[in-house]
Amino acid sequence: MMRRTSFFSTIEQRLYSILLIFCISLSVISIIGNLVAGFPLYLSIKWLLLVAAASASFVVDRVKSEAAEGMLFFYLFLVAVFLPYAFIESGGSNNNALGYTFLLVVSITYLFKGRTRVFLISLLVLVFPALLIIEYFFPPW
């Protein structure tokens, strides 16, 4: 008899949980570092947003019936809200946005399948060049 594996017993689910914990930890360390360095609090808004989104996703991740939807909404947040805001707020292409984009592509490719993967990768492919175009035509932003 073939045993069905649930979404929670897969390596993808464990990787996603570790990714959420990493996002929360990185954000908290960045907020503390900004405060210790004496930077204004508004520079930590992106990290506060990431803590809130990752924490909410971590809680939703524990509800078995909502785990896949929670993961999708977290990645939609990363691609459509966090990446553009962080890109513009931290100086455009002169920052780490390209590295974050690469990490997003790798994790999306590994964690999602089928149409969801194609949708998220397509959205990322649309968002990143749009940000570069905005930076080109509106450099003060």
C-alpha atoms as a PDB file:
ATOM      1  CA  MET A   1       0.000   0.000   0.000  1.00  0.00           C
ATOM      2  CA  MET A   2       1.359   3.398  -0.996  1.00  0.00           C
ATOM      3  CA  ARG A   3       1.658   5.927   1.795  1.00  0.00           C
ATOM      4  CA  ARG A   4       0.669   9.516   1.051  1.00  0.00           C
ATOM      5  CA  THR A   5       2.968  12.187   2.362  1.00  0.00           C
ATOM      6  CA  SER A   6       1.420  15.345   3.599  1.00  0.00           C
ATOM      7  CA  PHE A   7       2.603  18.809   2.711  1.00  0.00           C
ATOM      8  CA  PHE A   8       4.143  19.114   6.185  1.00  0.00           C
ATOM      9  CA  SER A   9       6.381  16.091   5.972  1.00  0.00           C
ATOM     10  CA  THR A  10       8.236  17.188   2.868  1.00  0.00           C
ATOM     11  CA  ILE A  11      11.660  18.715   2.732  1.00  0.00           C
ATOM     12  CA  GLU A  12      10.134  21.717   0.982  1.00  0.00           C
ATOM     13  CA  GLN A  13       7.993  22.426   4.038  1.00  0.00           C
ATOM     14  CA  ARG A  14      10.969  22.164   6.369  1.00  0.00           C
ATOM     15  CA  LEU A  15      12.994  24.429   4.092  1.00  0.00           C
ATOM     16  CA  TYR A  16      10.168  26.972   4.070  1.00  0.00           C
ATOM     17  CA  SER A  17      10.019  26.962   7.881  1.00  0.00           C
ATOM     18  CA  ILE A  18      13.775  27.489   8.076  1.00  0.00           C
ATOM     19  CA  LEU A  19      13.491  30.303   5.524  1.00  0.00           C
ATOM     20  CA  LEU A  20      10.841  32.037   7.625  1.00  0.00           C
ATOM     21  CA  ILE A  21      12.963  31.756  10.770  1.00  0.00           C
ATOM     22  CA  PHE A  22      15.936  33.116   8.814  1.00  0.00           C
ATOM     23  CA  CYS A  23      13.862  36.076   7.560  1.00  0.00           C
ATOM     24  CA  ILE A  24      12.720  36.897  11.079  1.00  0.00           C
ATOM     25  CA  SER A  25      16.263  36.572  12.493  1.00  0.00           C
ATOM     26  CA  LEU A  26      17.865  38.631   9.710  1.00  0.00           C
ATOM     27  CA  SER A  27      15.247  41.338  10.122  1.00  0.00           C
ATOM     28  CA  VAL A  28      15.675  41.565  13.888  1.00  0.00           C
ATOM     29  CA  ILE A  29      19.475  41.699  13.544  1.00  0.00           C
ATOM     30  CA  SER A  30      19.165  44.432  10.888  1.00  0.00           C
ATOM     31  CA  ILE A  31      16.795  46.482  13.046  1.00  0.00           C
ATOM     32  CA  ILE A  32      19.101  46.208  16.054  1.00  0.00           C
ATOM     33  CA  GLY A  33      22.124  47.050  13.892  1.00  0.00           C
ATOM     34  CA  ASN A  34      20.385  50.131  12.503  1.00  0.00           C
ATOM     35  CA  LEU A  35      19.468  51.295  15.997  1.00  0.00           C
ATOM     36  CA  VAL A  36      22.977  50.694  17.369  1.00  0.00           C
ATOM     37  CA  ALA A  37      24.506  52.535  14.391  1.00  0.00           C
ATOM     38  CA  GLY A  38      22.217  55.491  15.095  1.00  0.00           C
ATOM     39  CA  PHE A  39      20.289  55.342  11.833  1.00  0.00           C
ATOM     40  CA  PRO A  40      16.776  56.804  11.808  1.00  0.00           C
ATOM     41  CA  LEU A  41      13.970  54.374  12.609  1.00  0.00           C
ATOM     42  CA  TYR A  42      12.320  54.843   9.188  1.00  0.00           C
ATOM     43  CA  LEU A  43      15.221  52.918   7.629  1.00  0.00           C
ATOM     44  CA  SER A  44      14.015  49.822   9.475  1.00  0.00           C
ATOM     45  CA  ILE A  45      10.473  49.902   8.066  1.00  0.00           C
ATOM     46  CA  LYS A  46      11.306  47.291   5.422  1.00  0.00           C
ATOM     47  CA  TRP A  47      12.683  44.971   8.104  1.00  0.00           C
ATOM     48  CA  LEU A  48       9.633  45.527  10.318  1.00  0.00           C
ATOM     49  CA  LEU A  49       7.414  44.624   7.342  1.00  0.00           C
ATOM     50  CA  LEU A  50       9.442  41.465   6.752  1.00  0.00           C
ATOM     51  CA  VAL A  51       9.232  40.470  10.439  1.00  0.00           C
ATOM     52  CA  ALA A  52       5.451  40.954  10.381  1.00  0.00           C
ATOM     53  CA  ALA A  53       4.966  39.020   7.124  1.00  0.00           C
ATOM     54  CA  ALA A  54       7.332  36.182   8.065  1.00  0.00           C
ATOM     55  CA  SER A  55       5.824  35.870  11.552  1.00  0.00           C
ATOM     56  CA  ALA A  56       2.293  35.767  10.155  1.00  0.00           C
ATOM     57  CA  SER A  57       3.374  33.189   7.580  1.00  0.00           C
ATOM     58  CA  PHE A  58       5.059  31.133  10.279  1.00  0.00           C
ATOM     59  CA  VAL A  59       1.797  31.042  12.265  1.00  0.00           C
ATOM     60  CA  VAL A  60      -0.230  30.192   9.142  1.00  0.00           C
ATOM     61  CA  ASP A  61       2.380  27.552   8.292  1.00  0.00           C
ATOM     62  CA  ARG A  62       1.390  25.690  11.448  1.00  0.00           C
ATOM     63  CA  VAL A  63      -2.229  25.424  10.279  1.00  0.00           C
ATOM     64  CA  LYS A  64      -2.112  22.412   7.982  1.00  0.00           C
ATOM     65  CA  SER A  65      -5.089  23.359   5.824  1.00  0.00           C
ATOM     66  CA  GLU A  66      -3.728  26.835   5.018  1.00  0.00           C
ATOM     67  CA  ALA A  67       0.013  26.143   4.611  1.00  0.00           C
ATOM     68  CA  ALA A  68       0.231  26.226   0.803  1.00  0.00           C
ATOM     69  CA  GLU A  69      -1.821  29.429   0.549  1.00  0.00           C
ATOM     70  CA  GLY A  70       0.264  31.057   3.289  1.00  0.00           C
ATOM     71  CA  MET A  71       3.452  30.241   1.425  1.00  0.00           C
ATOM     72  CA  LEU A  72       2.040  31.688  -1.812  1.00  0.00           C
ATOM     73  CA  PHE A  73       0.944  34.925  -0.127  1.00  0.00           C
ATOM     74  CA  PHE A  74       4.325  35.285   1.610  1.00  0.00           C
ATOM     75  CA  TYR A  75       6.132  35.027  -1.723  1.00  0.00           C
ATOM     76  CA  LEU A  76       3.655  37.417  -3.334  1.00  0.00           C
ATOM     77  CA  PHE A  77       4.494  39.849  -0.534  1.00  0.00           C
ATOM     78  CA  LEU A  78       8.230  39.365  -1.115  1.00  0.00           C
ATOM     79  CA  VAL A  79       8.039  39.854  -4.873  1.00  0.00           C
ATOM     80  CA  ALA A  80       5.363  42.555  -5.121  1.00  0.00           C
ATOM     81  CA  VAL A  81       5.899  44.576  -1.927  1.00  0.00           C
ATOM     82  CA  PHE A  82       9.159  43.884  -0.102  1.00  0.00           C
ATOM     83  CA  LEU A  83      11.542  43.756  -3.063  1.00  0.00           C
ATOM     84  CA  PRO A  84      10.247  46.957  -4.735  1.00  0.00           C
ATOM     85  CA  TYR A  85      10.102  48.866  -1.445  1.00  0.00           C
ATOM     86  CA  ALA A  86      13.563  47.695  -0.373  1.00  0.00           C
ATOM     87  CA  PHE A  87      14.980  48.411  -3.833  1.00  0.00           C
ATOM     88  CA  ILE A  88      13.731  52.004  -3.884  1.00  0.00           C
ATOM     89  CA  GLU A  89      14.332  52.713  -0.183  1.00  0.00           C
ATOM     90  CA  SER A  90      17.924  51.521  -0.140  1.00  0.00           C
ATOM     91  CA  GLY A  91      19.267  53.213  -3.239  1.00  0.00           C
ATOM     92  CA  GLY A  92      18.216  51.248  -6.308  1.00  0.00           C
ATOM     93  CA  SER A  93      20.631  49.037  -8.172  1.00  0.00           C
ATOM     94  CA  ASN A  94      23.562  50.167  -6.008  1.00  0.00           C
ATOM     95  CA  ASN A  95      22.412  47.865  -3.209  1.00  0.00           C
ATOM     96  CA  ASN A  96      21.820  44.139  -2.648  1.00  0.00           C
ATOM     97  CA  ALA A  97      18.569  43.870  -4.624  1.00  0.00           C
ATOM     98  CA  LEU A  98      20.106  41.665  -7.302  1.00  0.00           C
ATOM     99  CA  GLY A  99      21.244  39.179  -4.643  1.00  0.00           C
ATOM    100  CA  TYR A 100      17.797  39.118  -3.050  1.00  0.00           C
ATOM    101  CA  THR A 101      16.251  38.587  -6.479  1.00  0.00           C
ATOM    102  CA  PHE A 102      18.538  35.629  -7.146  1.00  0.00           C
ATOM    103  CA  LEU A 103      17.651  34.073  -3.773  1.00  0.00           C
ATOM    104  CA  LEU A 104      13.946  34.565  -4.503  1.00  0.00           C
ATOM    105  CA  VAL A 105      14.258  32.842  -7.890  1.00  0.00           C
ATOM    106  CA  VAL A 106      16.081  29.877  -6.371  1.00  0.00           C
ATOM    107  CA  SER A 107      13.613  29.446  -3.515  1.00  0.00           C
ATOM    108  CA  ILE A 108      10.555  29.903  -5.777  1.00  0.00           C
ATOM    109  CA  THR A 109      11.934  27.339  -8.208  1.00  0.00           C
ATOM    110  CA  TYR A 110      12.479  24.834  -5.423  1.00  0.00           C
ATOM    111  CA  LEU A 111       9.330  25.400  -3.351  1.00  0.00           C
ATOM    112  CA  PHE A 112       6.651  25.797  -6.018  1.00  0.00           C
ATOM    113  CA  LYS A 113       5.450  23.648  -8.880  1.00  0.00           C
ATOM    114  CA  GLY A 114       3.465  24.168 -12.080  1.00  0.00           C
ATOM    115  CA  ARG A 115       1.464  27.309 -12.709  1.00  0.00           C
ATOM    116  CA  THR A 116       2.252  28.828  -9.330  1.00  0.00           C
ATOM    117  CA  ARG A 117       5.976  28.670 -10.068  1.00  0.00           C
ATOM    118  CA  VAL A 118       5.501  30.154 -13.541  1.00  0.00           C
ATOM    119  CA  PHE A 119       3.308  32.935 -12.124  1.00  0.00           C
ATOM    120  CA  LEU A 120       5.772  33.912  -9.376  1.00  0.00           C
ATOM    121  CA  ILE A 121       8.817  33.786 -11.655  1.00  0.00           C
ATOM    122  CA  SER A 122       6.948  35.820 -14.294  1.00  0.00           C
ATOM    123  CA  LEU A 123       5.943  38.384 -11.682  1.00  0.00           C
ATOM    124  CA  LEU A 124       9.546  38.632 -10.516  1.00  0.00           C
ATOM    125  CA  VAL A 125      10.751  38.982 -14.113  1.00  0.00           C
ATOM    126  CA  LEU A 126       8.255  41.840 -14.573  1.00  0.00           C
ATOM    127  CA  VAL A 127       8.947  43.583 -11.264  1.00  0.00           C
ATOM    128  CA  PHE A 128      12.737  43.707 -11.406  1.00  0.00           C
ATOM    129  CA  PRO A 129      13.079  45.283 -14.884  1.00  0.00           C
ATOM    130  CA  ALA A 130      10.251  47.677 -13.980  1.00  0.00           C
ATOM    131  CA  LEU A 131      12.306  48.795 -10.985  1.00  0.00           C
ATOM    132  CA  LEU A 132      15.376  49.287 -13.176  1.00  0.00           C
ATOM    133  CA  ILE A 133      13.327  51.323 -15.664  1.00  0.00           C
ATOM    134  CA  ILE A 134      11.914  53.463 -12.855  1.00  0.00           C
ATOM    135  CA  GLU A 135      15.437  53.996 -11.536  1.00  0.00           C
ATOM    136  CA  TYR A 136      16.636  55.024 -14.994  1.00  0.00           C
ATOM    137  CA  PHE A 137      13.877  57.554 -15.674  1.00  0.00           C
ATOM    138  CA  PHE A 138      13.453  58.812 -12.081  1.00  0.00           C
ATOM    139  CA  PRO A 139      16.896  58.694 -10.450  1.00  0.00           C
ATOM    140  CA  PRO A 140      15.948  60.899  -7.448  1.00  0.00           C
ATOM    141  CA  TRP A 141      13.481  58.249  -6.269  1.00  0.00           C
END
